[in-house]
Amino acid sequence: MKKLLQISSILSIIFFTACESKKQQIPSVDHFFQLKKEQAKLEKIQSCKRDAISEAETQVDKLIDRWIKDQGADTINFPRKPARPRSPEHLIKKGN
C-alpha cells in the first residue's frame, strides 16, 4: 500500500507538471487592442507623411513657376532686324 501511494504521488506530480508546461498563455484582449492601436497610429503617421510630401511638392512647383514667370521666359536679347528698303529700284537699274 505504501508503494502504491508513492507511485501514485510520483505519477500525479509528473502529470501536473506536464500539464502546466503544455498550457498556452492566451494574450488578453487588451494586448490585441494595443496592437491594433499601434498599427492604426503607424498607418496614420505614414498617411500624414505622404500628404505632407505631396503638398510640399505642389508648393515648390508653384514657387518655381512663379519665379520663372517673374524672371521672364524670354530673357535672350536678339539684335533687331535691319530696316528693309522700300523698293528694289537700285537693284533693277543696275541690272539693265
Protein backbone atom coordinates (compact mmCIF):
# COMPACT_ATOMS: atom_id res chain seq x y z
CA MET A 1 0.00 0.00 0.00
CA LYS A 2 2.82 2.31 0.84
CA LYS A 3 4.47 1.66 -2.55
CA LEU A 4 1.20 2.24 -4.36
CA LEU A 5 0.83 5.59 -2.61
CA GLN A 6 4.37 6.59 -3.56
CA ILE A 7 3.88 5.59 -7.20
CA SER A 8 0.57 7.42 -7.43
CA SER A 9 2.05 10.56 -5.87
CA ILE A 10 5.02 10.47 -8.28
CA LEU A 11 2.70 9.95 -11.25
CA SER A 12 0.42 12.77 -10.13
CA ILE A 13 3.39 15.14 -9.77
CA ILE A 14 4.61 14.22 -13.26
CA PHE A 15 1.10 14.59 -14.65
CA PHE A 16 0.53 18.04 -13.15
CA THR A 17 3.93 19.37 -14.21
CA ALA A 18 3.41 18.04 -17.74
CA CYS A 19 0.02 19.73 -18.00
CA GLU A 20 1.37 23.06 -16.84
CA SER A 21 4.08 23.14 -19.50
CA LYS A 22 1.62 22.37 -22.30
CA LYS A 23 -0.74 25.18 -21.36
CA GLN A 24 -0.51 28.08 -23.73
CA GLN A 25 -0.63 31.58 -22.50
CA ILE A 26 -3.55 33.26 -24.22
CA PRO A 27 -2.95 37.00 -24.54
CA SER A 28 -5.63 39.23 -23.15
CA VAL A 29 -7.98 41.33 -25.25
CA ASP A 30 -6.12 44.43 -24.09
CA HIS A 31 -2.97 43.11 -25.75
CA PHE A 32 -4.75 42.75 -29.11
CA PHE A 33 -6.33 46.17 -28.65
CA GLN A 34 -2.91 47.75 -28.06
CA LEU A 35 -1.53 46.05 -31.18
CA LYS A 36 -4.40 47.35 -33.32
CA LYS A 37 -4.00 50.80 -31.78
CA GLU A 38 -0.27 50.89 -32.61
CA GLN A 39 -0.92 49.71 -36.18
CA ALA A 40 -3.55 52.40 -36.68
CA LYS A 41 -1.18 55.03 -35.28
CA LEU A 42 1.62 53.96 -37.64
CA GLU A 43 -0.72 53.98 -40.64
CA LYS A 44 -1.94 57.47 -39.71
CA ILE A 45 1.63 58.76 -39.39
CA GLN A 46 2.59 57.28 -42.76
CA SER A 47 -0.50 58.77 -44.38
CA CYS A 48 0.27 62.20 -42.90
CA LYS A 49 3.86 62.00 -44.17
CA ARG A 50 2.68 61.12 -47.68
CA ASP A 51 0.20 64.00 -47.66
CA ALA A 52 2.82 66.44 -46.36
CA ILE A 53 5.31 65.43 -49.05
CA SER A 54 2.67 65.76 -51.75
CA GLU A 55 1.64 69.21 -50.51
CA ALA A 56 5.29 70.32 -50.29
CA GLU A 57 5.93 69.19 -53.88
CA THR A 58 2.91 71.19 -55.05
CA GLN A 59 4.07 74.31 -53.20
CA VAL A 60 7.61 74.02 -54.58
CA ASP A 61 6.25 73.63 -58.12
CA LYS A 62 4.14 76.77 -57.64
CA LEU A 63 7.13 78.73 -56.34
CA ILE A 64 9.31 77.64 -59.25
CA ASP A 65 6.55 78.53 -61.73
CA ARG A 66 6.09 81.97 -60.17
CA TRP A 67 9.87 82.56 -60.16
CA ILE A 68 10.12 81.65 -63.86
CA LYS A 69 7.23 83.95 -64.74
CA ASP A 70 8.79 86.81 -62.75
CA GLN A 71 12.14 86.32 -64.47
CA GLY A 72 10.55 86.38 -67.87
CA ALA A 73 10.51 83.39 -70.13
CA ASP A 74 12.35 85.12 -72.98
CA THR A 75 15.48 86.64 -71.49
CA ILE A 76 17.65 86.35 -74.62
CA ASN A 77 18.14 89.72 -76.30
CA PHE A 78 18.32 89.19 -80.04
CA PRO A 79 19.51 92.04 -82.28
CA ARG A 80 16.86 93.92 -84.21
CA LYS A 81 16.26 93.17 -87.85
CA PRO A 82 17.80 95.64 -90.26
CA ALA A 83 15.49 98.10 -91.94
CA ARG A 84 14.06 96.82 -95.20
CA PRO A 85 14.41 99.01 -98.27
CA ARG A 86 11.18 100.44 -99.64
CA SER A 87 11.66 99.19 -103.17
CA PRO A 88 14.37 97.37 -105.03
CA GLU A 89 14.80 100.14 -107.66
CA HIS A 90 18.50 100.48 -107.11
CA LEU A 91 18.95 96.79 -107.97
CA ILE A 92 16.72 96.94 -111.05
CA LYS A 93 18.52 99.97 -112.53
CA LYS A 94 21.94 98.36 -112.22
CA GLY A 95 20.85 95.19 -113.95
CA ASN A 96 19.67 96.88 -117.22
